[in-house]
C-alpha atoms as a PDB file:
ATOM      1  CA  UNK A   1     -23.077 -44.038 -52.163  1.00  0.00           C
ATOM      2  CA  UNK A   2     -26.303 -44.277 -54.426  1.00  0.00           C
ATOM      3  CA  UNK A   3     -26.957 -48.348 -53.312  1.00  0.00           C
ATOM      4  CA  UNK A   4     -29.469 -48.421 -56.073  1.00  0.00           C
ATOM      5  CA  UNK A   5     -31.882 -46.077 -54.064  1.00  0.00           C
ATOM      6  CA  UNK A   6     -34.395 -44.107 -56.252  1.00  0.00           C
ATOM      7  CA  UNK A   7     -34.738 -41.479 -53.529  1.00  0.00           C
ATOM      8  CA  UNK A   8     -32.730 -38.677 -52.346  1.00  0.00           C
ATOM      9  CA  UNK A   9     -31.642 -38.461 -48.521  1.00  0.00           C
ATOM     10  CA  UNK A  10     -30.917 -34.934 -46.942  1.00  0.00           C
ATOM     11  CA  UNK A  11     -29.748 -34.596 -43.118  1.00  0.00           C
ATOM     12  CA  UNK A  12     -29.635 -31.435 -41.313  1.00  0.00           C
ATOM     13  CA  UNK A  13     -27.361 -31.232 -38.208  1.00  0.00           C
ATOM     14  CA  UNK A  14     -25.614 -28.512 -36.029  1.00  0.00           C
ATOM     15  CA  UNK A  15     -25.211 -27.208 -32.521  1.00  0.00           C
ATOM     16  CA  UNK A  16     -28.248 -26.494 -30.476  1.00  0.00           C
ATOM     17  CA  UNK A  17     -29.460 -23.199 -31.006  1.00  0.00           C
ATOM     18  CA  UNK A  18     -28.055 -22.805 -34.604  1.00  0.00           C
ATOM     19  CA  UNK A  19     -31.941 -22.729 -36.014  1.00  0.00           C
ATOM     20  CA  UNK A  20     -32.067 -26.348 -37.545  1.00  0.00           C
ATOM     21  CA  UNK A  21     -36.057 -26.431 -37.488  1.00  0.00           C
ATOM     22  CA  UNK A  22     -36.316 -23.071 -38.788  1.00  0.00           C
ATOM     23  CA  UNK A  23     -34.041 -24.250 -41.672  1.00  0.00           C
ATOM     24  CA  UNK A  24     -35.859 -27.059 -42.134  1.00  0.00           C
ATOM     25  CA  UNK A  25     -39.132 -25.318 -42.369  1.00  0.00           C
ATOM     26  CA  UNK A  26     -37.582 -22.721 -44.935  1.00  0.00           C
ATOM     27  CA  UNK A  27     -36.342 -25.867 -46.805  1.00  0.00           C
ATOM     28  CA  UNK A  28     -39.726 -27.472 -46.936  1.00  0.00           C
ATOM     29  CA  UNK A  29     -41.801 -24.516 -47.935  1.00  0.00           C
ATOM     30  CA  UNK A  30     -39.382 -23.657 -50.499  1.00  0.00           C
ATOM     31  CA  UNK A  31     -39.354 -26.938 -52.250  1.00  0.00           C
ATOM     32  CA  UNK A  32     -43.112 -27.200 -51.969  1.00  0.00           C
ATOM     33  CA  UNK A  33     -43.244 -23.851 -53.707  1.00  0.00           C
ATOM     34  CA  UNK A  34     -41.133 -25.414 -56.571  1.00  0.00           C
ATOM     35  CA  UNK A  35     -43.642 -28.442 -56.865  1.00  0.00           C
ATOM     36  CA  UNK A  36     -41.267 -30.624 -55.245  1.00  0.00           C
ATOM     37  CA  UNK A  37     -42.785 -33.111 -52.313  1.00  0.00           C
ATOM     38  CA  UNK A  38     -40.385 -33.650 -49.388  1.00  0.00           C
ATOM     39  CA  UNK A  39     -41.128 -36.022 -46.568  1.00  0.00           C
ATOM     40  CA  UNK A  40     -39.917 -34.833 -43.036  1.00  0.00           C
ATOM     41  CA  UNK A  41     -38.603 -36.699 -40.296  1.00  0.00           C
ATOM     42  CA  UNK A  42     -36.805 -36.017 -37.068  1.00  0.00           C
ATOM     43  CA  UNK A  43     -34.377 -37.658 -34.705  1.00  0.00           C
ATOM     44  CA  UNK A  44     -35.267 -38.661 -32.060  1.00  0.00           C
ATOM     45  CA  UNK A  45     -38.523 -40.067 -33.638  1.00  0.00           C
ATOM     46  CA  UNK A  46     -42.035 -40.175 -32.478  1.00  0.00           C
ATOM     47  CA  UNK A  47     -42.012 -43.827 -31.914  1.00  0.00           C
ATOM     48  CA  UNK A  48     -41.992 -45.441 -28.727  1.00  0.00           C
ATOM     49  CA  UNK A  49     -38.595 -46.112 -28.560  1.00  0.00           C
ATOM     50  CA  UNK A  50     -37.858 -42.454 -30.027  1.00  0.00           C
ATOM     51  CA  UNK A  51     -40.161 -40.594 -27.265  1.00  0.00           C
ATOM     52  CA  UNK A  52     -38.183 -42.986 -24.623  1.00  0.00           C
ATOM     53  CA  UNK A  53     -34.924 -41.790 -25.955  1.00  0.00           C
ATOM     54  CA  UNK A  54     -35.888 -38.075 -26.060  1.00  0.00           C
ATOM     55  CA  UNK A  55     -37.551 -38.136 -22.496  1.00  0.00           C
ATOM     56  CA  UNK A  56     -34.735 -39.858 -20.805  1.00  0.00           C
ATOM     57  CA  UNK A  57     -31.536 -38.183 -22.575  1.00  0.00           C
ATOM     58  CA  UNK A  58     -30.939 -36.273 -19.416  1.00  0.00           C
ATOM     59  CA  UNK A  59     -31.057 -39.254 -17.204  1.00  0.00           C
ATOM     60  CA  UNK A  60     -28.970 -41.788 -19.365  1.00  0.00           C
ATOM     61  CA  UNK A  61     -25.290 -41.124 -20.194  1.00  0.00           C
ATOM     62  CA  UNK A  62     -22.248 -42.110 -21.936  1.00  0.00           C
ATOM     63  CA  UNK A  63     -22.208 -45.638 -23.791  1.00  0.00           C
ATOM     64  CA  UNK A  64     -25.837 -46.525 -22.359  1.00  0.00           C
ATOM     65  CA  UNK A  65     -27.236 -43.456 -24.510  1.00  0.00           C
ATOM     66  CA  UNK A  66     -24.936 -43.842 -27.294  1.00  0.00           C
ATOM     67  CA  UNK A  67     -26.484 -47.354 -27.917  1.00  0.00           C
ATOM     68  CA  UNK A  68     -29.875 -46.327 -27.185  1.00  0.00           C
ATOM     69  CA  UNK A  69     -29.446 -43.473 -29.903  1.00  0.00           C
ATOM     70  CA  UNK A  70     -28.212 -46.067 -32.373  1.00  0.00           C
ATOM     71  CA  UNK A  71     -31.065 -48.059 -31.661  1.00  0.00           C
ATOM     72  CA  UNK A  72     -33.560 -45.565 -32.174  1.00  0.00           C
ATOM     73  CA  UNK A  73     -31.784 -44.580 -35.681  1.00  0.00           C
ATOM     74  CA  UNK A  74     -31.669 -48.223 -36.976  1.00  0.00           C
ATOM     75  CA  UNK A  75     -35.588 -48.244 -36.269  1.00  0.00           C
ATOM     76  CA  UNK A  76     -35.964 -45.127 -38.140  1.00  0.00           C
ATOM     77  CA  UNK A  77     -33.924 -46.307 -41.028  1.00  0.00           C
ATOM     78  CA  UNK A  78     -36.015 -49.395 -41.293  1.00  0.00           C
ATOM     79  CA  UNK A  79     -39.198 -47.676 -40.766  1.00  0.00           C
ATOM     80  CA  UNK A  80     -38.759 -44.614 -42.559  1.00  0.00           C
ATOM     81  CA  UNK A  81     -36.047 -43.856 -44.458  1.00  0.00           C
ATOM     82  CA  UNK A  82     -35.316 -46.826 -46.361  1.00  0.00           C
ATOM     83  CA  UNK A  83     -38.809 -47.101 -47.313  1.00  0.00           C
ATOM     84  CA  UNK A  84     -38.918 -43.427 -48.524  1.00  0.00           C
ATOM     85  CA  UNK A  85     -35.932 -44.045 -50.743  1.00  0.00           C
ATOM     86  CA  UNK A  86     -36.816 -47.244 -52.216  1.00  0.00           C
ATOM     87  CA  UNK A  87     -40.236 -45.315 -53.052  1.00  0.00           C
ATOM     88  CA  UNK A  88     -38.427 -42.771 -54.750  1.00  0.00           C
ATOM     89  CA  UNK A  89     -38.922 -39.971 -52.167  1.00  0.00           C
ATOM     90  CA  UNK A  90     -37.105 -36.939 -50.998  1.00  0.00           C
ATOM     91  CA  UNK A  91     -36.552 -37.016 -47.424  1.00  0.00           C
ATOM     92  CA  UNK A  92     -34.969 -34.537 -45.138  1.00  0.00           C
ATOM     93  CA  UNK A  93     -33.952 -35.718 -41.450  1.00  0.00           C
ATOM     94  CA  UNK A  94     -33.907 -32.908 -38.687  1.00  0.00           C
ATOM     95  CA  UNK A  95     -30.655 -34.576 -36.995  1.00  0.00           C
ATOM     96  CA  UNK A  96     -29.167 -37.813 -37.996  1.00  0.00           C
ATOM     97  CA  UNK A  97     -25.803 -39.527 -37.586  1.00  0.00           C
ATOM     98  CA  UNK A  98     -23.391 -36.185 -37.280  1.00  0.00           C
ATOM     99  CA  UNK A  99     -25.165 -35.125 -34.068  1.00  0.00           C
ATOM    100  CA  UNK A 100     -24.564 -38.466 -32.639  1.00  0.00           C
ATOM    101  CA  UNK A 101     -20.837 -38.063 -33.576  1.00  0.00           C
ATOM    102  CA  UNK A 102     -20.977 -34.596 -31.744  1.00  0.00           C
ATOM    103  CA  UNK A 103     -23.516 -35.113 -28.685  1.00  0.00           C
ATOM    104  CA  UNK A 104     -22.162 -38.664 -27.566  1.00  0.00           C
ATOM    105  CA  UNK A 105     -18.657 -37.395 -27.877  1.00  0.00           C
ATOM    106  CA  UNK A 106     -19.509 -34.626 -25.586  1.00  0.00           C
ATOM    107  CA  UNK A 107     -21.073 -37.145 -23.234  1.00  0.00           C
ATOM    108  CA  UNK A 108     -17.683 -38.788 -22.933  1.00  0.00           C
ATOM    109  CA  UNK A 109     -18.018 -41.671 -25.638  1.00  0.00           C
ATOM    110  CA  UNK A 110     -14.829 -42.276 -27.996  1.00  0.00           C
ATOM    111  CA  UNK A 111     -15.760 -41.766 -31.691  1.00  0.00           C
ATOM    112  CA  UNK A 112     -14.356 -44.808 -32.657  1.00  0.00           C
ATOM    113  CA  UNK A 113     -17.134 -46.629 -30.672  1.00  0.00           C
ATOM    114  CA  UNK A 114     -19.938 -44.335 -32.172  1.00  0.00           C
ATOM    115  CA  UNK A 115     -18.930 -45.325 -35.925  1.00  0.00           C
ATOM    116  CA  UNK A 116     -18.803 -48.860 -35.033  1.00  0.00           C
ATOM    117  CA  UNK A 117     -22.473 -48.837 -33.523  1.00  0.00           C
ATOM    118  CA  UNK A 118     -23.820 -46.663 -36.458  1.00  0.00           C
ATOM    119  CA  UNK A 119     -21.744 -48.603 -39.096  1.00  0.00           C
ATOM    120  CA  UNK A 120     -24.895 -50.000 -40.753  1.00  0.00           C
ATOM    121  CA  UNK A 121     -27.010 -46.895 -40.993  1.00  0.00           C
ATOM    122  CA  UNK A 122     -27.246 -45.447 -44.804  1.00  0.00           C
ATOM    123  CA  UNK A 123     -25.319 -42.278 -45.390  1.00  0.00           C
ATOM    124  CA  UNK A 124     -27.144 -39.344 -46.660  1.00  0.00           C
ATOM    125  CA  UNK A 125     -26.828 -38.114 -50.162  1.00  0.00           C
ATOM    126  CA  UNK A 126     -26.388 -34.612 -49.035  1.00  0.00           C
ATOM    127  CA  UNK A 127     -25.260 -33.799 -45.431  1.00  0.00           C
ATOM    128  CA  UNK A 128     -25.885 -30.155 -44.517  1.00  0.00           C
ATOM    129  CA  UNK A 129     -23.971 -28.942 -41.232  1.00  0.00           C
ATOM    130  CA  UNK A 130     -25.242 -25.625 -40.055  1.00  0.00           C
ATOM    131  CA  UNK A 131     -22.718 -23.880 -37.789  1.00  0.00           C
ATOM    132  CA  UNK A 132     -22.507 -20.123 -36.534  1.00  0.00           C
ATOM    133  CA  UNK A 133     -20.276 -18.169 -33.927  1.00  0.00           C
ATOM    134  CA  UNK A 134     -20.483 -19.799 -30.576  1.00  0.00           C
ATOM    135  CA  UNK A 135     -21.459 -16.298 -28.662  1.00  0.00           C
ATOM    136  CA  UNK A 136     -24.515 -16.164 -31.075  1.00  0.00           C
ATOM    137  CA  UNK A 137     -25.349 -19.859 -30.308  1.00  0.00           C
ATOM    138  CA  UNK A 138     -24.981 -19.306 -26.733  1.00  0.00           C
ATOM    139  CA  UNK A 139     -27.158 -16.006 -26.517  1.00  0.00           C
ATOM    140  CA  UNK A 140     -29.563 -17.854 -28.593  1.00  0.00           C
ATOM    141  CA  UNK A 141     -29.669 -20.858 -25.952  1.00  0.00           C
ATOM    142  CA  UNK A 142     -29.512 -18.375 -22.926  1.00  0.00           C
ATOM    143  CA  UNK A 143     -32.680 -16.552 -24.383  1.00  0.00           C
ATOM    144  CA  UNK A 144     -34.542 -19.741 -25.154  1.00  0.00           C
ATOM    145  CA  UNK A 145     -33.613 -21.485 -21.934  1.00  0.00           C
ATOM    146  CA  UNK A 146     -32.194 -24.671 -20.915  1.00  0.00           C
ATOM    147  CA  UNK A 147     -33.550 -27.798 -22.556  1.00  0.00           C
ATOM    148  CA  UNK A 148     -31.159 -30.360 -21.703  1.00  0.00           C
ATOM    149  CA  UNK A 149     -28.075 -31.122 -19.781  1.00  0.00           C
ATOM    150  CA  UNK A 150     -25.285 -30.464 -22.489  1.00  0.00           C
ATOM    151  CA  UNK A 151     -26.529 -26.563 -22.259  1.00  0.00           C
ATOM    152  CA  UNK A 152     -25.285 -26.570 -18.940  1.00  0.00           C
ATOM    153  CA  UNK A 153     -21.879 -26.366 -19.897  1.00  0.00           C
ATOM    154  CA  UNK A 154     -20.604 -22.817 -20.856  1.00  0.00           C
ATOM    155  CA  UNK A 155     -18.052 -24.287 -23.310  1.00  0.00           C
ATOM    156  CA  UNK A 156     -20.474 -26.427 -25.271  1.00  0.00           C
ATOM    157  CA  UNK A 157     -21.336 -24.116 -27.909  1.00  0.00           C
ATOM    158  CA  UNK A 158     -17.615 -23.680 -28.915  1.00  0.00           C
ATOM    159  CA  UNK A 159     -16.964 -27.386 -28.470  1.00  0.00           C
ATOM    160  CA  UNK A 160     -20.280 -28.359 -30.610  1.00  0.00           C
ATOM    161  CA  UNK A 161     -19.127 -26.104 -33.634  1.00  0.00           C
ATOM    162  CA  UNK A 162     -15.674 -27.821 -33.690  1.00  0.00           C
ATOM    163  CA  UNK A 163     -16.651 -31.338 -33.339  1.00  0.00           C
ATOM    164  CA  UNK A 164     -19.394 -30.708 -36.344  1.00  0.00           C
ATOM    165  CA  UNK A 165     -16.397 -29.742 -38.230  1.00  0.00           C
ATOM    166  CA  UNK A 166     -14.779 -33.024 -37.532  1.00  0.00           C
ATOM    167  CA  UNK A 167     -18.314 -34.736 -38.220  1.00  0.00           C
ATOM    168  CA  UNK A 168     -18.371 -33.094 -41.782  1.00  0.00           C
ATOM    169  CA  UNK A 169     -14.789 -33.996 -42.274  1.00  0.00           C
ATOM    170  CA  UNK A 170     -15.723 -37.910 -41.345  1.00  0.00           C
ATOM    171  CA  UNK A 171     -18.577 -37.545 -43.916  1.00  0.00           C
ATOM    172  CA  UNK A 172     -16.813 -36.205 -46.483  1.00  0.00           C
ATOM    173  CA  UNK A 173     -14.208 -39.293 -46.136  1.00  0.00           C
ATOM    174  CA  UNK A 174     -17.017 -41.457 -46.324  1.00  0.00           C
ATOM    175  CA  UNK A 175     -17.757 -40.019 -49.737  1.00  0.00           C
ATOM    176  CA  UNK A 176     -20.675 -37.961 -48.663  1.00  0.00           C
ATOM    177  CA  UNK A 177     -21.824 -34.517 -50.349  1.00  0.00           C
ATOM    178  CA  UNK A 178     -21.605 -32.081 -47.256  1.00  0.00           C
ATOM    179  CA  UNK A 179     -22.609 -28.206 -47.027  1.00  0.00           C
ATOM    180  CA  UNK A 180     -21.157 -26.704 -44.223  1.00  0.00           C
ATOM    181  CA  UNK A 181     -23.104 -23.542 -44.071  1.00  0.00           C
ATOM    182  CA  UNK A 182     -22.940 -20.418 -41.425  1.00  0.00           C
ATOM    183  CA  UNK A 183     -26.582 -19.809 -40.264  1.00  0.00           C
ATOM    184  CA  UNK A 184     -25.266 -16.481 -38.700  1.00  0.00           C
ATOM    185  CA  UNK A 185     -24.202 -15.146 -41.860  1.00  0.00           C
ATOM    186  CA  UNK A 186     -27.486 -16.055 -43.992  1.00  0.00           C
ATOM    187  CA  UNK A 187     -31.118 -15.973 -43.447  1.00  0.00           C
ATOM    188  CA  UNK A 188     -32.929 -19.163 -43.192  1.00  0.00           C
ATOM    189  CA  UNK A 189     -34.588 -18.600 -46.731  1.00  0.00           C
ATOM    190  CA  UNK A 190     -30.775 -18.152 -48.116  1.00  0.00           C
ATOM    191  CA  UNK A 191     -29.589 -21.314 -46.447  1.00  0.00           C
ATOM    192  CA  UNK A 192     -32.466 -23.194 -47.751  1.00  0.00           C
ATOM    193  CA  UNK A 193     -31.834 -21.952 -51.266  1.00  0.00           C
ATOM    194  CA  UNK A 194     -28.453 -23.237 -50.974  1.00  0.00           C
ATOM    195  CA  UNK A 195     -29.311 -26.549 -49.996  1.00  0.00           C
ATOM    196  CA  UNK A 196     -32.109 -26.766 -52.702  1.00  0.00           C
ATOM    197  CA  UNK A 197     -29.663 -25.815 -55.318  1.00  0.00           C
ATOM    198  CA  UNK A 198     -27.413 -29.144 -54.338  1.00  0.00           C
ATOM    199  CA  UNK A 199     -30.789 -31.206 -54.496  1.00  0.00           C
ATOM    200  CA  UNK A 200     -30.830 -32.724 -58.042  1.00  0.00           C
ATOM    201  CA  UNK A 201     -34.157 -32.559 -60.117  1.00  0.00           C
ATOM    202  CA  UNK A 202     -34.790 -36.588 -59.698  1.00  0.00           C
ATOM    203  CA  UNK A 203     -37.836 -37.991 -60.854  1.00  0.00           C
ATOM    204  CA  UNK A 204     -39.033 -38.449 -57.453  1.00  0.00           C
ATOM    205  CA  UNK A 205     -42.259 -39.805 -56.232  1.00  0.00           C
ATOM    206  CA  UNK A 206     -45.434 -37.814 -55.577  1.00  0.00           C
ATOM    207  CA  UNK A 207     -46.693 -38.565 -52.305  1.00  0.00           C
ATOM    208  CA  UNK A 208     -48.623 -36.223 -49.451  1.00  0.00           C
ATOM    209  CA  UNK A 209     -46.223 -34.455 -47.213  1.00  0.00           C
ATOM    210  CA  UNK A 210     -47.363 -35.110 -43.520  1.00  0.00           C
ATOM    211  CA  UNK A 211     -47.022 -32.358 -40.752  1.00  0.00           C
ATOM    212  CA  UNK A 212     -43.914 -33.603 -38.799  1.00  0.00           C
ATOM    213  CA  UNK A 213     -43.779 -33.441 -34.986  1.00  0.00           C
ATOM    214  CA  UNK A 214     -41.983 -30.359 -33.734  1.00  0.00           C
ATOM    215  CA  UNK A 215     -38.471 -31.551 -32.443  1.00  0.00           C
ATOM    216  CA  UNK A 216     -37.295 -30.160 -29.137  1.00  0.00           C
ATOM    217  CA  UNK A 217     -33.808 -28.562 -28.614  1.00  0.00           C
ATOM    218  CA  UNK A 218     -32.993 -27.219 -31.866  1.00  0.00           C
END
């Protein structure tokens, strides 16, 4: 799993409305308070390709969108994730492969196809899957407002919760350390603390932590 990498890669995924962005911020603040620099990133990215993917995710469907998301991820790996790992940095991605295994399945794409087109992306060292009771997620989405077409399906939250559990099982079968955390049962600070406890005290490189873009629909 380590593949000679010097840094440590954490991905954070979960159903829309589960509180990923809040958790990522709490994790960043806690690591910073401990004097541990962390680089934050997000998918889709803010590159031209990532921006196009985010802007057109409601218009492009199925296999075409799955391929576009995979292309954006490979660009993300090449330009951000791999350089950070080779430099010995701790990098946290708000969404990664688990989101593809869920959202693109909801869009009718077979999971085998999704695994195939993402087979060359590096696995995270730690995959955090946030979950919550579907009714709580649905209420939060309703309060916040519809932001993409997956929110139009009233069964969406329940299906996402189930598919994220399947994604967690797949990652574990690949040897990835997975934390499946109920974000409805703990405060963001508690969740961040549990994630931090799972990150080893590696001699990570020191670098400035840039302010990340604010992801939408998380």
